[in-house]
Amino acid sequence: KAAEKPPLVIPGQGFSFSVRQPDGWQADEQAMKKYQASL
């Protein structure tokens, strides 16, 4: 559950960003790669 987890931190070039994962959702690494997305 997103409420039980701290925000995800995604490293970048010269910065990072944080974002919350919604409850009932999960990171989809395959879609991230396929669509050249950060997350």
Full PDB file with SEQRES, HELIX, SHEET, SSBOND, CRYST1, ORIGX, SCALE, CONECT and MASTER records, all heavy atoms in Angstrom:
SEQRES   1 A   39  LYS ALA ALA GLU LYS PRO PRO LEU VAL ILE PRO GLY GLN          
SEQRES   2 A   39  GLY PHE SER PHE SER VAL ARG GLN PRO ASP GLY TRP GLN          
SEQRES   3 A   39  ALA ASP GLU GLN ALA MET LYS LYS TYR GLN ALA SER LEU          
HELIX    1 AA1 ALA A    2  GLU A    4  5                                   3    
HELIX    2 AA2 GLU A   29  LYS A   34  1                                   6    
SHEET    1 AA1 2 LEU A   8  PRO A  11  0                                        
SHEET    2 AA1 2 SER A  16  VAL A  19 -1                                        
CRYST1    1.000    1.000    1.000  90.00  90.00  90.00 P 1           1          
ORIGX1      1.000000  0.000000  0.000000        0.00000                         
ORIGX2      0.000000  1.000000  0.000000        0.00000                         
ORIGX3      0.000000  0.000000  1.000000        0.00000                         
SCALE1      1.000000  0.000000  0.000000        0.00000                         
SCALE2      0.000000  1.000000  0.000000        0.00000                         
SCALE3      0.000000  0.000000  1.000000        0.00000                         
ATOM      1  N   LYS A   1       0.822  -1.197   0.000  1.00  0.00           N  
ATOM      2  CA  LYS A   1       0.000   0.000   0.000  1.00  0.00           C  
ATOM      3  C   LYS A   1       0.859   1.251   0.000  1.00  0.00           C  
ATOM      4  O   LYS A   1       1.842   1.341   0.707  1.00  0.00           O  
ATOM      5  CB  LYS A   1      -0.917   0.008   1.221  1.00  0.00           C  
ATOM      6  CG  LYS A   1      -1.983  -1.045   1.161  1.00  0.00           C  
ATOM      7  CD  LYS A   1      -2.901  -0.932   2.356  1.00  0.00           C  
ATOM      8  CE  LYS A   1      -3.982  -1.985   2.251  1.00  0.00           C  
ATOM      9  NZ  LYS A   1      -4.884  -1.922   3.377  1.00  0.00           N  
ATOM     10  N   ALA A   2       0.427   2.263  -0.800  1.00  0.00           N  
ATOM     11  CA  ALA A   2       1.175   3.509  -0.912  1.00  0.00           C  
ATOM     12  C   ALA A   2       1.271   4.222   0.423  1.00  0.00           C  
ATOM     13  O   ALA A   2       2.283   4.836   0.733  1.00  0.00           O  
ATOM     14  CB  ALA A   2       0.520   4.411  -1.952  1.00  0.00           C  
ATOM     15  N   ALA A   3       0.232   4.151   1.250  1.00  0.00           N  
ATOM     16  CA  ALA A   3       0.237   4.850   2.536  1.00  0.00           C  
ATOM     17  C   ALA A   3       1.297   4.285   3.474  1.00  0.00           C  
ATOM     18  O   ALA A   3       1.765   4.977   4.368  1.00  0.00           O  
ATOM     19  CB  ALA A   3      -1.144   4.765   3.184  1.00  0.00           C  
ATOM     20  N   GLU A   4       1.687   3.030   3.276  1.00  0.00           N  
ATOM     21  CA  GLU A   4       2.681   2.392   4.129  1.00  0.00           C  
ATOM     22  C   GLU A   4       4.095   2.598   3.607  1.00  0.00           C  
ATOM     23  O   GLU A   4       5.044   2.251   4.275  1.00  0.00           O  
ATOM     24  CB  GLU A   4       2.396   0.888   4.211  1.00  0.00           C  
ATOM     25  CG  GLU A   4       1.061   0.564   4.843  1.00  0.00           C  
ATOM     26  CD  GLU A   4       0.706  -0.912   4.698  1.00  0.00           C  
ATOM     27  OE1 GLU A   4       1.492  -1.679   4.120  1.00  0.00           O  
ATOM     28  OE2 GLU A   4      -0.365  -1.280   5.171  1.00  0.00           O  
ATOM     29  N   LYS A   5       4.235   3.123   2.420  1.00  0.00           N  
ATOM     30  CA  LYS A   5       5.535   3.259   1.791  1.00  0.00           C  
ATOM     31  C   LYS A   5       5.943   4.722   1.698  1.00  0.00           C  
ATOM     32  O   LYS A   5       5.116   5.584   1.465  1.00  0.00           O  
ATOM     33  CB  LYS A   5       5.477   2.689   0.370  1.00  0.00           C  
ATOM     34  CG  LYS A   5       5.243   1.195   0.327  1.00  0.00           C  
ATOM     35  CD  LYS A   5       4.979   0.714  -1.064  1.00  0.00           C  
ATOM     36  CE  LYS A   5       6.158   0.915  -1.976  1.00  0.00           C  
ATOM     37  NZ  LYS A   5       5.950   0.324  -3.291  1.00  0.00           N  
ATOM     38  N   PRO A   6       7.227   4.998   1.853  1.00  0.00           N  
ATOM     39  CA  PRO A   6       7.696   6.363   1.606  1.00  0.00           C  
ATOM     40  C   PRO A   6       7.647   6.636   0.102  1.00  0.00           C  
ATOM     41  O   PRO A   6       7.524   5.701  -0.697  1.00  0.00           O  
ATOM     42  CB  PRO A   6       9.140   6.332   2.119  1.00  0.00           C  
ATOM     43  CG  PRO A   6       9.546   4.902   2.014  1.00  0.00           C  
ATOM     44  CD  PRO A   6       8.291   4.094   2.238  1.00  0.00           C  
ATOM     45  N   PRO A   7       7.748   7.885  -0.282  1.00  0.00           N  
ATOM     46  CA  PRO A   7       7.760   8.180  -1.727  1.00  0.00           C  
ATOM     47  C   PRO A   7       8.933   7.483  -2.412  1.00  0.00           C  
ATOM     48  O   PRO A   7       9.984   7.272  -1.801  1.00  0.00           O  
ATOM     49  CB  PRO A   7       7.919   9.693  -1.789  1.00  0.00           C  
ATOM     50  CG  PRO A   7       7.629  10.203  -0.434  1.00  0.00           C  
ATOM     51  CD  PRO A   7       7.865   9.083   0.525  1.00  0.00           C  
ATOM     52  N   LEU A   8       8.741   7.142  -3.663  1.00  0.00           N  
ATOM     53  CA  LEU A   8       9.836   6.611  -4.467  1.00  0.00           C  
ATOM     54  C   LEU A   8      10.735   7.773  -4.848  1.00  0.00           C  
ATOM     55  O   LEU A   8      10.245   8.865  -5.151  1.00  0.00           O  
ATOM     56  CB  LEU A   8       9.283   5.963  -5.741  1.00  0.00           C  
ATOM     57  CG  LEU A   8       8.297   4.815  -5.562  1.00  0.00           C  
ATOM     58  CD1 LEU A   8       7.706   4.413  -6.908  1.00  0.00           C  
ATOM     59  CD2 LEU A   8       8.973   3.633  -4.899  1.00  0.00           C  
ATOM     60  N   VAL A   9      12.034   7.561  -4.853  1.00  0.00           N  
ATOM     61  CA  VAL A   9      12.984   8.581  -5.296  1.00  0.00           C  
ATOM     62  C   VAL A   9      13.676   8.056  -6.547  1.00  0.00           C  
ATOM     63  O   VAL A   9      14.280   6.983  -6.532  1.00  0.00           O  
ATOM     64  CB  VAL A   9      14.011   8.923  -4.203  1.00  0.00           C  
ATOM     65  CG1 VAL A   9      15.050   9.909  -4.734  1.00  0.00           C  
ATOM     66  CG2 VAL A   9      13.309   9.483  -2.973  1.00  0.00           C  
ATOM     67  N   ILE A  10      13.560   8.814  -7.630  1.00  0.00           N  
ATOM     68  CA  ILE A  10      14.100   8.420  -8.924  1.00  0.00           C  
ATOM     69  C   ILE A  10      15.288   9.331  -9.234  1.00  0.00           C  
ATOM     70  O   ILE A  10      15.123  10.548  -9.338  1.00  0.00           O  
ATOM     71  CB  ILE A  10      13.040   8.561 -10.041  1.00  0.00           C  
ATOM     72  CG1 ILE A  10      11.716   7.901  -9.641  1.00  0.00           C  
ATOM     73  CG2 ILE A  10      13.573   8.039 -11.364  1.00  0.00           C  
ATOM     74  CD1 ILE A  10      11.789   6.439  -9.329  1.00  0.00           C  
ATOM     75  N   PRO A  11      16.509   8.777  -9.378  1.00  0.00           N  
ATOM     76  CA  PRO A  11      17.671   9.622  -9.663  1.00  0.00           C  
ATOM     77  C   PRO A  11      17.680  10.094 -11.107  1.00  0.00           C  
ATOM     78  O   PRO A  11      17.194   9.399 -12.003  1.00  0.00           O  
ATOM     79  CB  PRO A  11      18.854   8.691  -9.390  1.00  0.00           C  
ATOM     80  CG  PRO A  11      18.314   7.318  -9.594  1.00  0.00           C  
ATOM     81  CD  PRO A  11      16.853   7.372  -9.232  1.00  0.00           C  
ATOM     82  N   GLY A  12      18.228  11.291 -11.312  1.00  0.00           N  
ATOM     83  CA  GLY A  12      18.347  11.858 -12.648  1.00  0.00           C  
ATOM     84  C   GLY A  12      19.717  12.457 -12.858  1.00  0.00           C  
ATOM     85  O   GLY A  12      20.625  12.239 -12.056  1.00  0.00           O  
ATOM     86  N   GLN A  13      19.860  13.211 -13.922  1.00  0.00           N  
ATOM     87  CA  GLN A  13      21.123  13.873 -14.235  1.00  0.00           C  
ATOM     88  C   GLN A  13      21.084  15.275 -13.633  1.00  0.00           C  
ATOM     89  O   GLN A  13      20.456  16.171 -14.178  1.00  0.00           O  
ATOM     90  CB  GLN A  13      21.323  13.934 -15.740  1.00  0.00           C  
ATOM     91  CG  GLN A  13      21.432  12.574 -16.374  1.00  0.00           C  
ATOM     92  CD  GLN A  13      21.474  12.627 -17.883  1.00  0.00           C  
ATOM     93  OE1 GLN A  13      21.224  13.653 -18.497  1.00  0.00           O  
ATOM     94  NE2 GLN A  13      21.792  11.501 -18.498  1.00  0.00           N  
ATOM     95  N   GLY A  14      21.721  15.462 -12.481  1.00  0.00           N  
ATOM     96  CA  GLY A  14      21.762  16.756 -11.831  1.00  0.00           C  
ATOM     97  C   GLY A  14      20.584  17.007 -10.902  1.00  0.00           C  
ATOM     98  O   GLY A  14      20.457  18.077 -10.336  1.00  0.00           O  
ATOM     99  N   PHE A  15      19.699  16.035 -10.748  1.00  0.00           N  
ATOM    100  CA  PHE A  15      18.542  16.149  -9.863  1.00  0.00           C  
ATOM    101  C   PHE A  15      17.983  14.753  -9.642  1.00  0.00           C  
ATOM    102  O   PHE A  15      18.370  13.791 -10.285  1.00  0.00           O  
ATOM    103  CB  PHE A  15      17.451  17.041 -10.476  1.00  0.00           C  
ATOM    104  CG  PHE A  15      16.736  16.392 -11.628  1.00  0.00           C  
ATOM    105  CD1 PHE A  15      15.520  15.763 -11.438  1.00  0.00           C  
ATOM    106  CD2 PHE A  15      17.294  16.379 -12.887  1.00  0.00           C  
ATOM    107  CE1 PHE A  15      14.864  15.136 -12.484  1.00  0.00           C  
ATOM    108  CE2 PHE A  15      16.651  15.756 -13.948  1.00  0.00           C  
ATOM    109  CZ  PHE A  15      15.433  15.140 -13.744  1.00  0.00           C  
ATOM    110  N   SER A  16      17.058  14.649  -8.725  1.00  0.00           N  
ATOM    111  CA  SER A  16      16.242  13.447  -8.524  1.00  0.00           C  
ATOM    112  C   SER A  16      14.819  13.940  -8.371  1.00  0.00           C  
ATOM    113  O   SER A  16      14.583  15.134  -8.237  1.00  0.00           O  
ATOM    114  CB  SER A  16      16.662  12.703  -7.256  1.00  0.00           C  
ATOM    115  OG  SER A  16      17.981  12.243  -7.366  1.00  0.00           O  
ATOM    116  N   PHE A  17      13.866  13.022  -8.393  1.00  0.00           N  
ATOM    117  CA  PHE A  17      12.504  13.421  -8.053  1.00  0.00           C  
ATOM    118  C   PHE A  17      11.859  12.346  -7.212  1.00  0.00           C  
ATOM    119  O   PHE A  17      12.253  11.187  -7.243  1.00  0.00           O  
ATOM    120  CB  PHE A  17      11.667  13.777  -9.297  1.00  0.00           C  
ATOM    121  CG  PHE A  17      11.276  12.623 -10.177  1.00  0.00           C  
ATOM    122  CD1 PHE A  17      10.085  11.939  -9.967  1.00  0.00           C  
ATOM    123  CD2 PHE A  17      12.063  12.252 -11.253  1.00  0.00           C  
ATOM    124  CE1 PHE A  17       9.701  10.895 -10.800  1.00  0.00           C  
ATOM    125  CE2 PHE A  17      11.689  11.211 -12.089  1.00  0.00           C  
ATOM    126  CZ  PHE A  17      10.507  10.537 -11.864  1.00  0.00           C  
ATOM    127  N   SER A  18      10.892  12.778  -6.427  1.00  0.00           N  
ATOM    128  CA  SER A  18      10.149  11.827  -5.607  1.00  0.00           C  
ATOM    129  C   SER A  18       8.695  11.839  -6.044  1.00  0.00           C  
ATOM    130  O   SER A  18       8.194  12.833  -6.578  1.00  0.00           O  
ATOM    131  CB  SER A  18      10.270  12.170  -4.118  1.00  0.00           C  
ATOM    132  OG  SER A  18       9.637  13.402  -3.839  1.00  0.00           O  
ATOM    133  N   VAL A  19       8.030  10.713  -5.822  1.00  0.00           N  
ATOM    134  CA  VAL A  19       6.631  10.558  -6.211  1.00  0.00           C  
ATOM    135  C   VAL A  19       6.015   9.456  -5.359  1.00  0.00           C  
ATOM    136  O   VAL A  19       6.695   8.503  -4.980  1.00  0.00           O  
ATOM    137  CB  VAL A  19       6.503  10.242  -7.726  1.00  0.00           C  
ATOM    138  CG1 VAL A  19       7.142   8.910  -8.082  1.00  0.00           C  
ATOM    139  CG2 VAL A  19       5.069  10.308  -8.196  1.00  0.00           C  
ATOM    140  N   ARG A  20       4.751   9.583  -5.060  1.00  0.00           N  
ATOM    141  CA  ARG A  20       4.036   8.546  -4.298  1.00  0.00           C  
ATOM    142  C   ARG A  20       3.397   7.543  -5.256  1.00  0.00           C  
ATOM    143  O   ARG A  20       2.838   7.912  -6.278  1.00  0.00           O  
ATOM    144  CB  ARG A  20       2.947   9.160  -3.438  1.00  0.00           C  
ATOM    145  CG  ARG A  20       3.505   9.932  -2.290  1.00  0.00           C  
ATOM    146  CD  ARG A  20       2.647   9.753  -1.051  1.00  0.00           C  
ATOM    147  NE  ARG A  20       3.240  10.467   0.044  1.00  0.00           N  
ATOM    148  CZ  ARG A  20       4.111   9.936   0.890  1.00  0.00           C  
ATOM    149  NH1 ARG A  20       4.471   8.689   0.785  1.00  0.00           N  
ATOM    150  NH2 ARG A  20       4.615  10.660   1.862  1.00  0.00           N  
ATOM    151  N   GLN A  21       3.474   6.289  -4.858  1.00  0.00           N  
ATOM    152  CA  GLN A  21       2.808   5.213  -5.593  1.00  0.00           C  
ATOM    153  C   GLN A  21       1.394   5.086  -5.051  1.00  0.00           C  
ATOM    154  O   GLN A  21       1.205   4.853  -3.866  1.00  0.00           O  
ATOM    155  CB  GLN A  21       3.579   3.913  -5.394  1.00  0.00           C  
ATOM    156  CG  GLN A  21       2.957   2.725  -6.078  1.00  0.00           C  
ATOM    157  CD  GLN A  21       3.838   1.511  -5.936  1.00  0.00           C  
ATOM    158  OE1 GLN A  21       5.001   1.541  -6.301  1.00  0.00           O  
ATOM    159  NE2 GLN A  21       3.292   0.448  -5.389  1.00  0.00           N  
ATOM    160  N   PRO A  22       0.372   5.243  -5.887  1.00  0.00           N  
ATOM    161  CA  PRO A  22      -1.012   5.156  -5.392  1.00  0.00           C  
ATOM    162  C   PRO A  22      -1.349   3.765  -4.870  1.00  0.00           C  
ATOM    163  O   PRO A  22      -0.837   2.760  -5.365  1.00  0.00           O  
ATOM    164  CB  PRO A  22      -1.861   5.475  -6.620  1.00  0.00           C  
ATOM    165  CG  PRO A  22      -0.943   6.049  -7.626  1.00  0.00           C  
ATOM    166  CD  PRO A  22       0.426   5.536  -7.320  1.00  0.00           C  
ATOM    167  N   ASP A  23      -2.228   3.723  -3.893  1.00  0.00           N  
ATOM    168  CA  ASP A  23      -2.717   2.464  -3.352  1.00  0.00           C  
ATOM    169  C   ASP A  23      -3.400   1.679  -4.473  1.00  0.00           C  
ATOM    170  O   ASP A  23      -4.202   2.229  -5.227  1.00  0.00           O  
ATOM    171  CB  ASP A  23      -3.708   2.744  -2.210  1.00  0.00           C  
ATOM    172  CG  ASP A  23      -4.119   1.473  -1.491  1.00  0.00           C  
ATOM    173  OD1 ASP A  23      -3.327   0.512  -1.470  1.00  0.00           O  
ATOM    174  OD2 ASP A  23      -5.237   1.447  -0.942  1.00  0.00           O  
ATOM    175  N   GLY A  24      -3.077   0.414  -4.589  1.00  0.00           N  
ATOM    176  CA  GLY A  24      -3.681  -0.433  -5.613  1.00  0.00           C  
ATOM    177  C   GLY A  24      -2.956  -0.378  -6.950  1.00  0.00           C  
ATOM    178  O   GLY A  24      -3.367  -1.026  -7.904  1.00  0.00           O  
ATOM    179  N   TRP A  25      -1.882   0.384  -7.029  1.00  0.00           N  
ATOM    180  CA  TRP A  25      -1.083   0.499  -8.253  1.00  0.00           C  
ATOM    181  C   TRP A  25       0.331   0.058  -7.933  1.00  0.00           C  
ATOM    182  O   TRP A  25       0.736   0.044  -6.786  1.00  0.00           O  
ATOM    183  CB  TRP A  25      -1.064   1.941  -8.751  1.00  0.00           C  
ATOM    184  CG  TRP A  25      -2.395   2.439  -9.228  1.00  0.00           C  
ATOM    185  CD1 TRP A  25      -3.501   2.629  -8.448  1.00  0.00           C  
ATOM    186  CD2 TRP A  25      -2.755   2.808 -10.543  1.00  0.00           C  
ATOM    187  NE1 TRP A  25      -4.531   3.103  -9.222  1.00  0.00           N  
ATOM    188  CE2 TRP A  25      -4.100   3.227 -10.513  1.00  0.00           C  
ATOM    189  CE3 TRP A  25      -2.076   2.839 -11.750  1.00  0.00           C  
ATOM    190  CZ2 TRP A  25      -4.774   3.661 -11.642  1.00  0.00           C  
ATOM    191  CZ3 TRP A  25      -2.749   3.283 -12.884  1.00  0.00           C  
ATOM    192  CH2 TRP A  25      -4.084   3.681 -12.826  1.00  0.00           C  
ATOM    193  N   GLN A  26       1.087  -0.296  -8.974  1.00  0.00           N  
ATOM    194  CA  GLN A  26       2.474  -0.680  -8.782  1.00  0.00           C  
ATOM    195  C   GLN A  26       3.319  -0.200  -9.954  1.00  0.00           C  
ATOM    196  O   GLN A  26       2.802   0.048 -11.048  1.00  0.00           O  
ATOM    197  CB  GLN A  26       2.593  -2.189  -8.632  1.00  0.00           C  
ATOM    198  CG  GLN A  26       2.072  -2.944  -9.822  1.00  0.00           C  
ATOM    199  CD  GLN A  26       1.825  -4.395  -9.496  1.00  0.00           C  
ATOM    200  OE1 GLN A  26       1.826  -4.791  -8.335  1.00  0.00           O  
ATOM    201  NE2 GLN A  26       1.598  -5.208 -10.499  1.00  0.00           N  
ATOM    202  N   ALA A  27       4.610  -0.063  -9.688  1.00  0.00           N  
ATOM    203  CA  ALA A  27       5.531   0.351 -10.744  1.00  0.00           C  
ATOM    204  C   ALA A  27       5.552  -0.718 -11.830  1.00  0.00           C  
ATOM    205  O   ALA A  27       5.513  -1.913 -11.542  1.00  0.00           O  
ATOM    206  CB  ALA A  27       6.923   0.563 -10.172  1.00  0.00           C  
ATOM    207  N   ASP A  28       5.585  -0.273 -13.068  1.00  0.00           N  
ATOM    208  CA  ASP A  28       5.598  -1.170 -14.212  1.00  0.00           C  
ATOM    209  C   ASP A  28       6.866  -0.868 -15.023  1.00  0.00           C  
ATOM    210  O   ASP A  28       6.873   0.013 -15.874  1.00  0.00           O  
ATOM    211  CB  ASP A  28       4.331  -0.949 -15.050  1.00  0.00           C  
ATOM    212  CG  ASP A  28       4.180  -1.947 -16.174  1.00  0.00           C  
ATOM    213  OD1 ASP A  28       5.198  -2.498 -16.647  1.00  0.00           O  
ATOM    214  OD2 ASP A  28       3.032  -2.169 -16.604  1.00  0.00           O  
ATOM    215  N   GLU A  29       7.942  -1.593 -14.692  1.00  0.00           N  
ATOM    216  CA  GLU A  29       9.236  -1.328 -15.313  1.00  0.00           C  
ATOM    217  C   GLU A  29       9.245  -1.630 -16.806  1.00  0.00           C  
ATOM    218  O   GLU A  29       9.916  -0.949 -17.573  1.00  0.00           O  
ATOM    219  CB  GLU A  29      10.331  -2.108 -14.595  1.00  0.00           C  
ATOM    220  CG  GLU A  29      10.589  -1.570 -13.191  1.00  0.00           C  
ATOM    221  CD  GLU A  29      11.767  -2.222 -12.526  1.00  0.00           C  
ATOM    222  OE1 GLU A  29      12.812  -2.389 -13.182  1.00  0.00           O  
ATOM    223  OE2 GLU A  29      11.643  -2.551 -11.334  1.00  0.00           O  
ATOM    224  N   GLN A  30       8.500  -2.634 -17.234  1.00  0.00           N  
ATOM    225  CA  GLN A  30       8.461  -2.959 -18.660  1.00  0.00           C  
ATOM    226  C   GLN A  30       7.826  -1.817 -19.455  1.00  0.00           C  
ATOM    227  O   GLN A  30       8.325  -1.438 -20.500  1.00  0.00           O  
ATOM    228  CB  GLN A  30       7.683  -4.261 -18.866  1.00  0.00           C  
ATOM    229  CG  GLN A  30       8.303  -5.417 -18.136  1.00  0.00           C  
ATOM    230  CD  GLN A  30       8.949  -6.409 -19.055  1.00  0.00           C  
ATOM    231  OE1 GLN A  30       8.868  -6.302 -20.261  1.00  0.00           O  
ATOM    232  NE2 GLN A  30       9.585  -7.398 -18.485  1.00  0.00           N  
ATOM    233  N   ALA A  31       6.729  -1.274 -18.958  1.00  0.00           N  
ATOM    234  CA  ALA A  31       6.089  -0.139 -19.636  1.00  0.00           C  
ATOM    235  C   ALA A  31       7.005   1.079 -19.601  1.00  0.00           C  
ATOM    236  O   ALA A  31       7.088   1.828 -20.581  1.00  0.00           O  
ATOM    237  CB  ALA A  31       4.742   0.184 -18.994  1.00  0.00           C  
ATOM    238  N   MET A  32       7.714   1.255 -18.491  1.00  0.00           N  
ATOM    239  CA  MET A  32       8.650   2.370 -18.375  1.00  0.00           C  
ATOM    240  C   MET A  32       9.699   2.300 -19.488  1.00  0.00           C  
ATOM    241  O   MET A  32       9.968   3.286 -20.171  1.00  0.00           O  
ATOM    242  CB  MET A  32       9.323   2.328 -17.006  1.00  0.00           C  
ATOM    243  CG  MET A  32      10.305   3.440 -16.769  1.00  0.00           C  
ATOM    244  SD  MET A  32      11.184   3.233 -15.210  1.00  0.00           S  
ATOM    245  CE  MET A  32      12.402   2.021 -15.683  1.00  0.00           C  
ATOM    246  N   LYS A  33      10.269   1.145 -19.687  1.00  0.00           N  
ATOM    247  CA  LYS A  33      11.283   0.971 -20.728  1.00  0.00           C  
ATOM    248  C   LYS A  33      10.674   1.127 -22.115  1.00  0.00           C  
ATOM    249  O   LYS A  33      11.229   1.799 -22.977  1.00  0.00           O  
ATOM    250  CB  LYS A  33      11.929  -0.402 -20.600  1.00  0.00           C  
ATOM    251  CG  LYS A  33      12.815  -0.543 -19.384  1.00  0.00           C  
ATOM    252  CD  LYS A  33      13.325  -1.961 -19.249  1.00  0.00           C  
ATOM    253  CE  LYS A  33      14.045  -2.150 -17.929  1.00  0.00           C  
ATOM    254  NZ  LYS A  33      14.416  -3.549 -17.718  1.00  0.00           N  
ATOM    255  N   LYS A  34       9.541   0.485 -22.318  1.00  0.00           N  
ATOM    256  CA  LYS A  34       8.917   0.503 -23.641  1.00  0.00           C  
ATOM    257  C   LYS A  34       8.584   1.919 -24.101  1.00  0.00           C  
ATOM    258  O   LYS A  34       8.747   2.250 -25.271  1.00  0.00           O  
ATOM    259  CB  LYS A  34       7.651  -0.351 -23.628  1.00  0.00           C  
ATOM    260  CG  LYS A  34       6.992  -0.423 -24.977  1.00  0.00           C  
ATOM    261  CD  LYS A  34       5.853  -1.398 -24.988  1.00  0.00           C  
ATOM    262  CE  LYS A  34       5.296  -1.482 -26.391  1.00  0.00           C  
ATOM    263  NZ  LYS A  34       4.300  -2.490 -26.510  1.00  0.00           N  
ATOM    264  N   TYR A  35       8.110   2.753 -23.186  1.00  0.00           N  
ATOM    265  CA  TYR A  35       7.678   4.092 -23.559  1.00  0.00           C  
ATOM    266  C   TYR A  35       8.675   5.172 -23.161  1.00  0.00           C  
ATOM    267  O   TYR A  35       8.342   6.346 -23.154  1.00  0.00           O  
ATOM    268  CB  TYR A  35       6.286   4.364 -22.973  1.00  0.00           C  
ATOM    269  CG  TYR A  35       5.299   3.352 -23.483  1.00  0.00           C  
ATOM    270  CD1 TYR A  35       4.781   2.382 -22.639  1.00  0.00           C  
ATOM    271  CD2 TYR A  35       4.937   3.314 -24.817  1.00  0.00           C  
ATOM    272  CE1 TYR A  35       3.896   1.422 -23.107  1.00  0.00           C  
ATOM    273  CE2 TYR A  35       4.068   2.362 -25.300  1.00  0.00           C  
ATOM    274  CZ  TYR A  35       3.543   1.420 -24.441  1.00  0.00           C  
ATOM    275  OH  TYR A  35       2.684   0.469 -24.910  1.00  0.00           O  
ATOM    276  N   GLN A  36       9.908   4.758 -22.852  1.00  0.00           N  
ATOM    277  CA  GLN A  36      10.981   5.676 -22.512  1.00  0.00           C  
ATOM    278  C   GLN A  36      10.547   6.651 -21.422  1.00  0.00           C  
ATOM    279  O   GLN A  36      10.808   7.847 -21.488  1.00  0.00           O  
ATOM    280  CB  GLN A  36      11.452   6.424 -23.755  1.00  0.00           C  
ATOM    281  CG  GLN A  36      11.984   5.508 -24.819  1.00  0.00           C  
ATOM    282  CD  GLN A  36      12.421   6.255 -26.061  1.00  0.00           C  
ATOM    283  OE1 GLN A  36      12.016   7.376 -26.302  1.00  0.00           O  
ATOM    284  NE2 GLN A  36      13.262   5.625 -26.846  1.00  0.00           N  
ATOM    285  N   ALA A  37       9.890   6.130 -20.424  1.00  0.00           N  
ATOM    286  CA  ALA A  37       9.380   6.931 -19.315  1.00  0.00           C  
ATOM    287  C   ALA A  37      10.333   6.848 -18.136  1.00  0.00           C  
ATOM    288  O   ALA A  37      11.094   5.887 -17.993  1.00  0.00           O  
ATOM    289  CB  ALA A  37       7.993   6.433 -18.905  1.00  0.00           C  
ATOM    290  N   SER A  38      10.290   7.855 -17.293  1.00  0.00           N  
ATOM    291  CA  SER A  38      11.066   7.842 -16.063  1.00  0.00           C  
ATOM    292  C   SER A  38      10.461   6.863 -15.068  1.00  0.00           C  
ATOM    293  O   SER A  38      11.165   6.259 -14.269  1.00  0.00           O  
ATOM    294  CB  SER A  38      11.083   9.241 -15.447  1.00  0.00           C  
ATOM    295  OG  SER A  38      11.562  10.170 -16.397  1.00  0.00           O  
ATOM    296  N   LEU A  39       9.129   6.728 -15.122  1.00  0.00           N  
ATOM    297  CA  LEU A  39       8.397   5.848 -14.218  1.00  0.00           C  
ATOM    298  C   LEU A  39       7.016   5.589 -14.802  1.00  0.00           C  
ATOM    299  O   LEU A  39       6.444   6.461 -15.451  1.00  0.00           O  
ATOM    300  CB  LEU A  39       8.268   6.523 -12.853  1.00  0.00           C  
ATOM    301  CG  LEU A  39       7.692   5.714 -11.698  1.00  0.00           C  
ATOM    302  CD1 LEU A  39       8.540   4.479 -11.398  1.00  0.00           C  
ATOM    303  CD2 LEU A  39       7.590   6.582 -10.457  1.00  0.00           C  
TER     304      LEU A  39                                                      
MASTER        0    0    0    2    2    0    0    6  303    1    0    3          
END                                                                             
